[in-house]
């Protein structure tokens, strides 16, 4: 009995420690997880404030504020992501309308390079570059193709055009076209 009385404090301390660890450790891990989530949300809040600041700066320009009011139009002209599938659909439709055959041999490159339309403080954009080749095409079809690219609802620009004419007056044309998309948070350089 005396041994039991002497061991009783050790048993009680062991039981208290066991329940303390059993209940405290999961709560501690949960607290750490919640603190990490709070930090992530704070960082997102900072990003949103930075985006809001950029939008406020952009909205001071009358032309830009009109574009922001018409978000749908801006999203057509300068989407917020590359949207390669939309470009391919547009090109396939253009090929079909102009009777240029199938869209083949086209290379798409998504650039991580940041460009600016107008100035570094207005409309930071990046671009998708793609190469198009035409064999045995007449000049009127080339002019129509250029017109389709120029009249596209998305902002696109023909960066390079090469034409070669062989001895049979067959025209081979190669185009490098860039389609732009908006970057909401410009990268720091």
N, C-alpha and C. Protein backbone atom coordinates (compact mmCIF):
# COMPACT_ATOMS: atom_id res chain seq x y z
N UNK A 1 0.82 -1.17 0.00
CA UNK A 1 0.00 0.00 0.00
C UNK A 1 0.88 1.25 0.00
N UNK A 2 1.94 1.19 0.71
CA UNK A 2 2.84 2.31 0.78
C UNK A 2 3.46 2.58 -0.60
N UNK A 3 3.74 1.50 -1.33
CA UNK A 3 4.32 1.65 -2.67
C UNK A 3 3.30 2.36 -3.58
N UNK A 4 2.06 1.96 -3.44
CA UNK A 4 1.01 2.57 -4.25
C UNK A 4 0.89 4.07 -3.95
N UNK A 5 0.99 4.41 -2.68
CA UNK A 5 0.91 5.82 -2.29
C UNK A 5 2.13 6.57 -2.83
N UNK A 6 3.29 5.95 -2.83
CA UNK A 6 4.49 6.59 -3.37
C UNK A 6 4.42 6.71 -4.90
N UNK A 7 3.80 5.73 -5.56
CA UNK A 7 3.70 5.76 -7.03
C UNK A 7 2.53 6.62 -7.52
N UNK A 8 1.61 6.90 -6.66
CA UNK A 8 0.43 7.67 -7.03
C UNK A 8 0.78 9.03 -7.66
N UNK A 9 1.71 9.82 -7.13
CA UNK A 9 2.05 11.09 -7.79
C UNK A 9 2.64 10.87 -9.19
N UNK A 10 3.46 9.83 -9.34
CA UNK A 10 4.06 9.55 -10.65
C UNK A 10 2.97 9.14 -11.64
N UNK A 11 2.05 8.29 -11.19
CA UNK A 11 0.95 7.85 -12.06
C UNK A 11 0.09 9.05 -12.43
N UNK A 12 -0.22 9.90 -11.47
CA UNK A 12 -1.05 11.08 -11.75
C UNK A 12 -0.33 12.03 -12.72
N UNK A 13 0.95 12.24 -12.52
CA UNK A 13 1.72 13.12 -13.42
C UNK A 13 1.76 12.51 -14.81
N UNK A 14 1.95 11.19 -14.89
CA UNK A 14 1.98 10.51 -16.19
C UNK A 14 0.64 10.63 -16.90
N UNK A 15 -0.47 10.42 -16.16
CA UNK A 15 -1.79 10.53 -16.76
C UNK A 15 -2.08 11.97 -17.21
N UNK A 16 -1.72 12.91 -16.38
CA UNK A 16 -1.93 14.32 -16.74
C UNK A 16 -1.10 14.66 -17.98
N UNK A 17 0.15 14.21 -18.03
CA UNK A 17 1.03 14.46 -19.18
C UNK A 17 0.45 13.81 -20.43
N UNK A 18 -0.03 12.57 -20.30
CA UNK A 18 -0.60 11.85 -21.44
C UNK A 18 -1.80 12.60 -22.00
N UNK A 19 -2.75 12.98 -21.17
CA UNK A 19 -3.92 13.70 -21.64
C UNK A 19 -3.56 15.10 -22.15
N UNK A 20 -2.60 15.70 -21.51
CA UNK A 20 -2.14 17.03 -21.94
C UNK A 20 -1.55 16.95 -23.35
N UNK A 21 -0.67 15.98 -23.58
CA UNK A 21 -0.03 15.81 -24.88
C UNK A 21 -1.07 15.36 -25.91
N UNK A 22 -1.91 14.44 -25.52
CA UNK A 22 -2.93 13.92 -26.44
C UNK A 22 -3.86 15.03 -26.91
N UNK A 23 -4.24 15.93 -26.07
CA UNK A 23 -5.15 17.00 -26.44
C UNK A 23 -4.45 18.26 -26.93
N UNK A 24 -3.27 18.54 -26.42
CA UNK A 24 -2.59 19.78 -26.76
C UNK A 24 -1.89 19.72 -28.11
N UNK A 25 -1.24 18.62 -28.43
CA UNK A 25 -0.47 18.54 -29.68
C UNK A 25 -1.38 18.75 -30.91
N UNK A 26 -2.53 18.06 -31.00
CA UNK A 26 -3.39 18.35 -32.16
C UNK A 26 -3.87 19.80 -32.21
N UNK A 27 -4.17 20.37 -31.06
CA UNK A 27 -4.60 21.76 -31.02
C UNK A 27 -3.46 22.69 -31.43
N UNK A 28 -2.25 22.34 -31.04
CA UNK A 28 -1.07 23.13 -31.41
C UNK A 28 -0.86 23.07 -32.93
N UNK A 29 -0.96 21.86 -33.50
CA UNK A 29 -0.82 21.71 -34.95
C UNK A 29 -1.92 22.47 -35.69
N UNK A 30 -3.13 22.39 -35.16
CA UNK A 30 -4.25 23.10 -35.75
C UNK A 30 -4.02 24.62 -35.70
N UNK A 31 -3.48 25.10 -34.60
CA UNK A 31 -3.18 26.52 -34.45
C UNK A 31 -2.12 26.97 -35.45
N UNK A 32 -1.09 26.15 -35.62
CA UNK A 32 -0.03 26.49 -36.59
C UNK A 32 -0.61 26.52 -38.00
N UNK A 33 -1.45 25.52 -38.34
CA UNK A 33 -2.08 25.49 -39.65
C UNK A 33 -2.94 26.73 -39.88
N UNK A 34 -3.72 27.10 -38.88
CA UNK A 34 -4.58 28.28 -38.99
C UNK A 34 -3.75 29.57 -39.12
N UNK A 35 -2.63 29.62 -38.42
CA UNK A 35 -1.75 30.79 -38.53
C UNK A 35 -1.18 30.89 -39.95
N UNK A 36 -0.81 29.75 -40.53
CA UNK A 36 -0.31 29.75 -41.91
C UNK A 36 -1.40 30.20 -42.88
N UNK A 37 -2.62 29.74 -42.67
CA UNK A 37 -3.73 30.14 -43.54
C UNK A 37 -4.00 31.64 -43.41
N UNK A 38 -3.91 32.15 -42.20
CA UNK A 38 -4.10 33.59 -41.99
C UNK A 38 -3.03 34.38 -42.72
N UNK A 39 -1.79 33.90 -42.68
CA UNK A 39 -0.70 34.57 -43.41
C UNK A 39 -0.96 34.55 -44.91
N UNK A 40 -1.45 33.42 -45.43
CA UNK A 40 -1.76 33.34 -46.86
C UNK A 40 -2.86 34.34 -47.22
N UNK A 41 -3.89 34.40 -46.39
CA UNK A 41 -4.98 35.34 -46.66
C UNK A 41 -4.50 36.79 -46.56
N UNK A 42 -3.60 37.07 -45.61
CA UNK A 42 -3.03 38.42 -45.52
C UNK A 42 -2.25 38.77 -46.77
N UNK A 43 -1.48 37.79 -47.28
CA UNK A 43 -0.71 38.02 -48.51
C UNK A 43 -1.65 38.26 -49.69
N UNK A 44 -2.74 37.48 -49.77
CA UNK A 44 -3.71 37.71 -50.83
C UNK A 44 -4.35 39.07 -50.70
N UNK A 45 -4.61 39.48 -49.47
CA UNK A 45 -5.16 40.81 -49.23
C UNK A 45 -4.22 41.89 -49.72
N UNK A 46 -2.92 41.71 -49.48
CA UNK A 46 -1.93 42.67 -49.97
C UNK A 46 -1.92 42.70 -51.49
N UNK A 47 -2.00 41.49 -52.12
CA UNK A 47 -2.04 41.43 -53.58
C UNK A 47 -3.27 42.14 -54.13
N UNK A 48 -4.41 41.93 -53.47
CA UNK A 48 -5.64 42.59 -53.92
C UNK A 48 -5.54 44.11 -53.77
N UNK A 49 -4.91 44.55 -52.69
CA UNK A 49 -4.72 46.00 -52.51
C UNK A 49 -3.81 46.55 -53.60
N UNK A 50 -2.78 45.79 -53.98
CA UNK A 50 -1.88 46.23 -55.04
C UNK A 50 -2.62 46.29 -56.38
N UNK A 51 -3.45 45.28 -56.65
CA UNK A 51 -4.25 45.29 -57.88
C UNK A 51 -5.22 46.46 -57.86
N UNK A 52 -5.84 46.71 -56.72
CA UNK A 52 -6.76 47.84 -56.60
C UNK A 52 -6.03 49.16 -56.85
N UNK A 53 -4.80 49.25 -56.34
CA UNK A 53 -4.00 50.46 -56.54
C UNK A 53 -3.70 50.64 -58.04
N UNK A 54 -3.36 49.54 -58.72
CA UNK A 54 -3.08 49.61 -60.16
C UNK A 54 -4.33 50.04 -60.91
N UNK A 55 -5.48 49.45 -60.55
CA UNK A 55 -6.74 49.81 -61.21
C UNK A 55 -7.08 51.27 -60.96
N UNK A 56 -6.85 51.75 -59.74
CA UNK A 56 -7.12 53.16 -59.45
C UNK A 56 -6.22 54.07 -60.26
N UNK A 57 -4.95 53.68 -60.40
CA UNK A 57 -4.02 54.48 -61.22
C UNK A 57 -4.46 54.47 -62.67
N UNK A 58 -4.86 53.28 -63.16
CA UNK A 58 -5.29 53.18 -64.55
C UNK A 58 -6.58 53.95 -64.79
N UNK A 59 -7.46 53.94 -63.80
CA UNK A 59 -8.76 54.58 -64.00
C UNK A 59 -8.67 56.11 -64.02
N UNK A 60 -7.54 56.68 -63.64
CA UNK A 60 -7.36 58.13 -63.72
C UNK A 60 -7.29 58.60 -65.17
N UNK A 61 -6.79 57.72 -66.05
CA UNK A 61 -6.75 58.03 -67.47
C UNK A 61 -8.17 57.87 -68.03
N UNK A 62 -8.68 58.87 -68.71
CA UNK A 62 -10.07 58.84 -69.20
C UNK A 62 -10.30 57.67 -70.16
N UNK A 63 -9.35 57.43 -71.05
CA UNK A 63 -9.52 56.34 -72.02
C UNK A 63 -9.52 54.98 -71.32
N UNK A 64 -8.61 54.82 -70.38
CA UNK A 64 -8.53 53.55 -69.65
C UNK A 64 -9.76 53.35 -68.79
N UNK A 65 -10.26 54.42 -68.18
CA UNK A 65 -11.45 54.28 -67.33
C UNK A 65 -12.66 53.86 -68.15
N UNK A 66 -12.74 54.34 -69.39
CA UNK A 66 -13.83 53.89 -70.26
C UNK A 66 -13.70 52.41 -70.57
N UNK A 67 -12.46 51.96 -70.78
CA UNK A 67 -12.24 50.53 -71.03
C UNK A 67 -12.60 49.68 -69.82
N UNK A 68 -12.24 50.16 -68.63
CA UNK A 68 -12.53 49.42 -67.41
C UNK A 68 -14.04 49.32 -67.21
N UNK A 69 -14.78 50.39 -67.58
CA UNK A 69 -16.23 50.34 -67.49
C UNK A 69 -16.80 49.28 -68.41
N UNK A 70 -16.12 49.04 -69.51
CA UNK A 70 -16.56 48.02 -70.47
C UNK A 70 -15.65 46.80 -70.36
N UNK A 71 -15.71 46.14 -69.22
CA UNK A 71 -14.81 45.02 -68.95
C UNK A 71 -14.90 43.92 -70.00
N UNK A 72 -16.10 43.65 -70.49
CA UNK A 72 -16.26 42.59 -71.47
C UNK A 72 -15.46 42.88 -72.74
N UNK A 73 -15.51 44.14 -73.17
CA UNK A 73 -14.76 44.53 -74.36
C UNK A 73 -13.27 44.42 -74.10
N UNK A 74 -12.83 44.88 -72.95
CA UNK A 74 -11.41 44.79 -72.60
C UNK A 74 -10.97 43.33 -72.54
N UNK A 75 -11.83 42.48 -72.01
CA UNK A 75 -11.48 41.06 -71.92
C UNK A 75 -11.38 40.42 -73.30
N UNK A 76 -12.14 40.92 -74.28
CA UNK A 76 -12.00 40.43 -75.65
C UNK A 76 -10.69 40.91 -76.25
N UNK A 77 -10.38 42.18 -76.06
CA UNK A 77 -9.17 42.76 -76.65
C UNK A 77 -7.91 42.23 -75.98
N UNK A 78 -7.91 42.25 -74.65
CA UNK A 78 -6.76 41.84 -73.86
C UNK A 78 -7.22 40.92 -72.74
N UNK A 79 -7.35 39.64 -73.03
CA UNK A 79 -7.75 38.72 -71.95
C UNK A 79 -6.67 38.65 -70.87
N UNK A 80 -7.03 38.11 -69.73
CA UNK A 80 -6.09 38.05 -68.61
C UNK A 80 -5.25 36.79 -68.61
N UNK A 81 -5.41 35.97 -69.61
CA UNK A 81 -4.62 34.75 -69.75
C UNK A 81 -4.42 34.50 -71.24
N UNK A 82 -3.49 33.65 -71.62
CA UNK A 82 -3.16 33.48 -73.05
C UNK A 82 -4.33 33.03 -73.94
N UNK A 83 -5.18 32.13 -73.48
CA UNK A 83 -6.32 31.62 -74.25
C UNK A 83 -5.93 31.16 -75.65
N UNK A 84 -5.00 30.24 -75.70
CA UNK A 84 -4.51 29.71 -76.98
C UNK A 84 -5.63 29.03 -77.75
N UNK A 85 -6.54 28.34 -77.07
CA UNK A 85 -7.63 27.63 -77.75
C UNK A 85 -8.49 28.61 -78.56
N UNK A 86 -8.73 29.81 -78.02
CA UNK A 86 -9.51 30.81 -78.75
C UNK A 86 -8.77 31.28 -80.00
N UNK A 87 -7.47 31.44 -79.89
CA UNK A 87 -6.67 31.86 -81.06
C UNK A 87 -6.71 30.78 -82.13
N UNK A 88 -6.57 29.53 -81.72
CA UNK A 88 -6.60 28.42 -82.69
C UNK A 88 -7.97 28.38 -83.37
N UNK A 89 -9.05 28.52 -82.59
CA UNK A 89 -10.39 28.52 -83.18
C UNK A 89 -10.55 29.67 -84.17
N UNK A 90 -10.03 30.84 -83.82
CA UNK A 90 -10.11 31.99 -84.72
C UNK A 90 -9.35 31.73 -86.01
N UNK A 91 -8.15 31.16 -85.88
CA UNK A 91 -7.34 30.87 -87.07
C UNK A 91 -7.97 29.79 -87.94
N UNK A 92 -8.50 28.74 -87.32
CA UNK A 92 -9.16 27.68 -88.09
C UNK A 92 -10.34 28.26 -88.86
N UNK A 93 -11.12 29.10 -88.21
CA UNK A 93 -12.26 29.74 -88.87
C UNK A 93 -11.78 30.64 -90.01
N UNK A 94 -10.72 31.39 -89.79
CA UNK A 94 -10.16 32.26 -90.83
C UNK A 94 -9.68 31.43 -92.01
N UNK A 95 -8.98 30.33 -91.75
CA UNK A 95 -8.52 29.45 -92.82
C UNK A 95 -9.70 28.91 -93.62
N UNK A 96 -10.76 28.51 -92.90
CA UNK A 96 -11.93 27.94 -93.57
C UNK A 96 -12.63 29.00 -94.43
N UNK A 97 -12.82 30.19 -93.90
CA UNK A 97 -13.51 31.25 -94.65
C UNK A 97 -12.72 31.64 -95.89
N UNK A 98 -11.40 31.74 -95.76
CA UNK A 98 -10.56 32.17 -96.89
C UNK A 98 -10.20 31.02 -97.82
N UNK A 99 -10.55 29.80 -97.44
CA UNK A 99 -10.21 28.64 -98.28
C UNK A 99 -8.72 28.37 -98.33
N UNK A 100 -8.05 28.49 -97.20
CA UNK A 100 -6.60 28.31 -97.16
C UNK A 100 -6.20 26.88 -96.81
N UNK A 101 -7.14 25.98 -96.68
CA UNK A 101 -6.82 24.61 -96.30
C UNK A 101 -6.86 24.45 -94.80
N UNK A 102 -6.06 23.51 -94.30
CA UNK A 102 -6.03 23.23 -92.87
C UNK A 102 -4.94 24.01 -92.17
N UNK A 103 -5.17 24.27 -90.90
CA UNK A 103 -4.18 24.92 -90.06
C UNK A 103 -3.18 23.86 -89.63
N UNK A 104 -2.03 23.83 -90.27
CA UNK A 104 -1.01 22.83 -89.91
C UNK A 104 0.36 23.49 -89.92
N UNK A 105 1.26 22.92 -89.19
CA UNK A 105 2.62 23.46 -89.13
C UNK A 105 2.70 24.77 -88.39
N UNK A 106 1.76 25.04 -87.52
CA UNK A 106 1.75 26.29 -86.77
C UNK A 106 2.39 26.07 -85.41
N UNK A 107 3.32 26.92 -85.04
CA UNK A 107 4.00 26.81 -83.75
C UNK A 107 3.55 27.94 -82.85
N UNK A 108 3.13 27.58 -81.63
CA UNK A 108 2.71 28.58 -80.65
C UNK A 108 3.76 28.64 -79.55
N UNK A 109 4.17 29.85 -79.19
CA UNK A 109 5.12 30.06 -78.10
C UNK A 109 4.53 31.09 -77.16
N UNK A 110 4.34 30.69 -75.91
CA UNK A 110 3.84 31.63 -74.91
C UNK A 110 5.05 32.28 -74.27
N UNK A 111 5.12 33.59 -74.36
CA UNK A 111 6.28 34.32 -73.86
C UNK A 111 6.07 34.71 -72.40
N UNK A 112 7.13 34.65 -71.65
CA UNK A 112 7.11 35.16 -70.28
C UNK A 112 7.61 36.60 -70.25
N UNK A 113 8.01 37.08 -71.41
CA UNK A 113 8.52 38.44 -71.52
C UNK A 113 7.37 39.43 -71.33
N UNK A 114 7.64 40.47 -70.62
CA UNK A 114 6.62 41.48 -70.37
C UNK A 114 6.83 42.64 -71.34
N UNK A 115 5.76 43.06 -71.99
CA UNK A 115 5.82 44.19 -72.90
C UNK A 115 4.85 45.24 -72.36
N UNK A 116 4.91 46.40 -72.95
CA UNK A 116 3.99 47.46 -72.54
C UNK A 116 3.40 48.11 -73.78
N UNK A 117 2.09 48.30 -73.75
CA UNK A 117 1.45 49.11 -74.77
C UNK A 117 1.42 50.53 -74.21
N UNK A 118 1.88 51.45 -74.94
CA UNK A 118 1.94 52.87 -74.60
C UNK A 118 3.11 53.18 -73.68
N UNK A 119 3.08 52.77 -72.41
CA UNK A 119 4.18 53.06 -71.48
C UNK A 119 4.21 51.98 -70.40
N UNK A 120 5.29 51.93 -69.58
CA UNK A 120 5.37 50.91 -68.54
C UNK A 120 4.29 51.02 -67.47
N UNK A 121 3.60 52.16 -67.41
CA UNK A 121 2.61 52.36 -66.36
C UNK A 121 1.18 52.11 -66.84
N UNK A 122 1.03 51.89 -68.14
CA UNK A 122 -0.30 51.67 -68.70
C UNK A 122 -0.30 50.36 -69.46
N UNK A 123 -1.23 49.49 -69.14
CA UNK A 123 -1.46 48.22 -69.81
C UNK A 123 -0.22 47.34 -69.96
N UNK A 124 0.26 46.78 -68.86
CA UNK A 124 1.35 45.81 -68.99
C UNK A 124 0.81 44.52 -69.61
N UNK A 125 1.43 44.05 -70.68
CA UNK A 125 0.95 42.86 -71.37
C UNK A 125 2.09 41.89 -71.64
N UNK A 126 1.71 40.66 -71.89
CA UNK A 126 2.63 39.67 -72.41
C UNK A 126 2.01 39.18 -73.70
N UNK A 127 2.65 38.22 -74.37
CA UNK A 127 2.13 37.85 -75.68
C UNK A 127 2.36 36.37 -75.98
N UNK A 128 1.58 35.91 -76.94
CA UNK A 128 1.74 34.58 -77.52
C UNK A 128 2.23 34.83 -78.93
N UNK A 129 3.31 34.19 -79.28
CA UNK A 129 3.84 34.34 -80.62
C UNK A 129 3.56 33.05 -81.39
N UNK A 130 3.10 33.17 -82.63
CA UNK A 130 2.89 31.97 -83.44
C UNK A 130 3.29 32.23 -84.87
N UNK A 131 3.77 31.18 -85.51
CA UNK A 131 4.25 31.25 -86.89
C UNK A 131 3.25 30.55 -87.80
N UNK A 132 2.95 31.18 -88.93
CA UNK A 132 2.02 30.61 -89.91
C UNK A 132 2.72 30.58 -91.27
N UNK A 133 2.50 29.50 -92.01
CA UNK A 133 3.10 29.36 -93.34
C UNK A 133 2.02 29.04 -94.35
N UNK A 134 2.14 29.62 -95.53
CA UNK A 134 1.22 29.37 -96.63
C UNK A 134 2.04 29.02 -97.86
N UNK A 135 1.64 28.00 -98.58
CA UNK A 135 2.29 27.62 -99.84
C UNK A 135 1.30 27.79 -100.98
N UNK A 136 1.80 28.22 -102.12
CA UNK A 136 0.98 28.37 -103.33
C UNK A 136 -0.29 29.18 -103.05
N UNK A 137 -0.10 30.37 -102.59
CA UNK A 137 -1.22 31.24 -102.24
C UNK A 137 -1.14 32.49 -103.10
N UNK A 138 -2.31 33.02 -103.48
CA UNK A 138 -2.26 34.25 -104.28
C UNK A 138 -2.31 35.47 -103.36
N UNK A 139 -1.89 36.58 -103.91
CA UNK A 139 -1.73 37.81 -103.12
C UNK A 139 -3.04 38.29 -102.53
N UNK A 140 -4.16 38.09 -103.21
CA UNK A 140 -5.45 38.55 -102.66
C UNK A 140 -5.79 37.79 -101.38
N UNK A 141 -5.47 36.49 -101.31
CA UNK A 141 -5.71 35.71 -100.09
C UNK A 141 -4.81 36.20 -98.96
N UNK A 142 -3.58 36.57 -99.29
CA UNK A 142 -2.66 37.10 -98.27
C UNK A 142 -3.21 38.41 -97.71
N UNK A 143 -3.71 39.28 -98.61
CA UNK A 143 -4.27 40.55 -98.15
C UNK A 143 -5.51 40.32 -97.28
N UNK A 144 -6.35 39.36 -97.66
CA UNK A 144 -7.53 39.05 -96.84
C UNK A 144 -7.11 38.51 -95.48
N UNK A 145 -6.08 37.64 -95.46
CA UNK A 145 -5.60 37.09 -94.19
C UNK A 145 -5.09 38.21 -93.28
N UNK A 146 -4.30 39.11 -93.84
CA UNK A 146 -3.79 40.24 -93.06
C UNK A 146 -4.94 41.09 -92.54
N UNK A 147 -5.96 41.28 -93.35
CA UNK A 147 -7.13 42.04 -92.93
C UNK A 147 -7.85 41.34 -91.77
N UNK A 148 -7.98 40.01 -91.84
CA UNK A 148 -8.63 39.26 -90.75
C UNK A 148 -7.85 39.40 -89.45
N UNK A 149 -6.52 39.32 -89.53
CA UNK A 149 -5.70 39.48 -88.32
C UNK A 149 -5.87 40.89 -87.77
N UNK A 150 -5.88 41.88 -88.67
CA UNK A 150 -6.00 43.27 -88.27
C UNK A 150 -7.36 43.57 -87.64
N UNK A 151 -8.41 42.91 -88.13
CA UNK A 151 -9.77 43.18 -87.64
C UNK A 151 -10.18 42.24 -86.52
N UNK A 152 -9.28 41.43 -86.04
CA UNK A 152 -9.60 40.50 -84.96
C UNK A 152 -10.06 41.25 -83.73
N UNK A 153 -10.98 40.65 -82.97
CA UNK A 153 -11.44 41.31 -81.75
C UNK A 153 -10.34 41.30 -80.68
N UNK A 154 -9.40 40.41 -80.81
CA UNK A 154 -8.27 40.37 -79.90
C UNK A 154 -7.12 41.18 -80.50
N UNK A 155 -6.37 41.86 -79.67
CA UNK A 155 -5.26 42.66 -80.18
C UNK A 155 -4.15 41.72 -80.63
N UNK A 156 -3.92 41.73 -81.94
CA UNK A 156 -2.85 40.93 -82.56
C UNK A 156 -2.04 41.82 -83.47
N UNK A 157 -0.81 41.42 -83.66
CA UNK A 157 0.08 42.22 -84.50
C UNK A 157 0.97 41.27 -85.31
N UNK A 158 1.07 41.54 -86.59
CA UNK A 158 1.98 40.77 -87.43
C UNK A 158 3.37 41.36 -87.23
N UNK A 159 4.26 40.58 -86.62
CA UNK A 159 5.60 41.08 -86.31
C UNK A 159 6.57 40.89 -87.47
N UNK A 160 6.36 39.82 -88.25
CA UNK A 160 7.28 39.55 -89.34
C UNK A 160 6.52 38.86 -90.45
N UNK A 161 6.82 39.24 -91.70
CA UNK A 161 6.21 38.60 -92.86
C UNK A 161 7.29 38.39 -93.91
N UNK A 162 7.39 37.18 -94.38
CA UNK A 162 8.36 36.84 -95.44
C UNK A 162 7.60 36.27 -96.63
N UNK A 163 7.92 36.76 -97.81
CA UNK A 163 7.29 36.27 -99.03
C UNK A 163 8.37 35.82 -99.99
N UNK A 164 8.15 34.69 -100.62
CA UNK A 164 9.06 34.23 -101.67
C UNK A 164 8.22 33.81 -102.87
N UNK A 165 8.71 34.11 -104.05
CA UNK A 165 8.04 33.75 -105.30
C UNK A 165 9.00 32.89 -106.10
N UNK A 166 8.53 31.69 -106.48
CA UNK A 166 9.40 30.82 -107.29
C UNK A 166 9.23 31.14 -108.77
N UNK A 167 9.92 30.37 -109.61
CA UNK A 167 9.90 30.64 -111.05
C UNK A 167 8.52 30.43 -111.68
N UNK A 168 7.63 29.69 -111.02
CA UNK A 168 6.27 29.47 -111.53
C UNK A 168 5.27 30.49 -110.96
N UNK A 169 5.78 31.52 -110.34
CA UNK A 169 4.98 32.58 -109.71
C UNK A 169 4.11 32.07 -108.56
N UNK A 170 4.53 31.00 -107.93
CA UNK A 170 3.86 30.52 -106.72
C UNK A 170 4.40 31.31 -105.54
N UNK A 171 3.50 31.80 -104.72
CA UNK A 171 3.90 32.61 -103.58
C UNK A 171 3.89 31.75 -102.33
N UNK A 172 4.98 31.83 -101.59
CA UNK A 172 5.07 31.18 -100.27
C UNK A 172 5.19 32.31 -99.26
N UNK A 173 4.35 32.26 -98.23
CA UNK A 173 4.33 33.33 -97.22
C UNK A 173 4.52 32.75 -95.83
N UNK A 174 5.30 33.42 -95.01
CA UNK A 174 5.50 33.06 -93.61
C UNK A 174 5.23 34.29 -92.76
N UNK A 175 4.41 34.11 -91.74
CA UNK A 175 4.06 35.20 -90.84
C UNK A 175 4.42 34.82 -89.41
N UNK A 176 4.88 35.80 -88.65
CA UNK A 176 5.01 35.67 -87.21
C UNK A 176 4.04 36.68 -86.61
N UNK A 177 3.09 36.15 -85.83
CA UNK A 177 2.02 36.98 -85.28
C UNK A 177 2.10 36.92 -83.76
N UNK A 178 1.83 38.04 -83.11
CA UNK A 178 1.76 38.10 -81.66
C UNK A 178 0.35 38.47 -81.24
N UNK A 179 -0.21 37.70 -80.30
CA UNK A 179 -1.50 38.00 -79.69
C UNK A 179 -1.22 38.36 -78.24
N UNK A 180 -1.76 39.46 -77.79
CA UNK A 180 -1.43 39.98 -76.47
C UNK A 180 -2.45 39.58 -75.41
N UNK A 181 -1.98 39.53 -74.17
CA UNK A 181 -2.88 39.34 -73.03
C UNK A 181 -2.38 40.17 -71.86
N UNK A 182 -3.32 40.59 -71.03
CA UNK A 182 -3.06 41.54 -69.95
C UNK A 182 -2.43 40.85 -68.75
N UNK A 183 -1.45 41.51 -68.15
CA UNK A 183 -0.84 41.05 -66.90
C UNK A 183 -1.32 42.01 -65.82
N UNK A 184 -2.05 41.49 -64.85
CA UNK A 184 -2.60 42.39 -63.82
C UNK A 184 -1.55 42.84 -62.82
N UNK A 185 -0.61 41.98 -62.46
CA UNK A 185 0.43 42.38 -61.53
C UNK A 185 1.76 42.25 -62.25
N UNK A 186 2.31 43.36 -62.74
CA UNK A 186 3.57 43.29 -63.47
C UNK A 186 4.69 42.77 -62.58
N UNK A 187 5.61 42.03 -63.21
CA UNK A 187 6.76 41.51 -62.48
C UNK A 187 7.75 42.63 -62.24
N UNK A 188 8.41 42.56 -61.12
CA UNK A 188 9.42 43.57 -60.76
C UNK A 188 10.71 43.22 -61.46
N UNK A 189 11.36 44.22 -62.05
CA UNK A 189 12.64 43.99 -62.75
C UNK A 189 13.75 44.68 -62.02
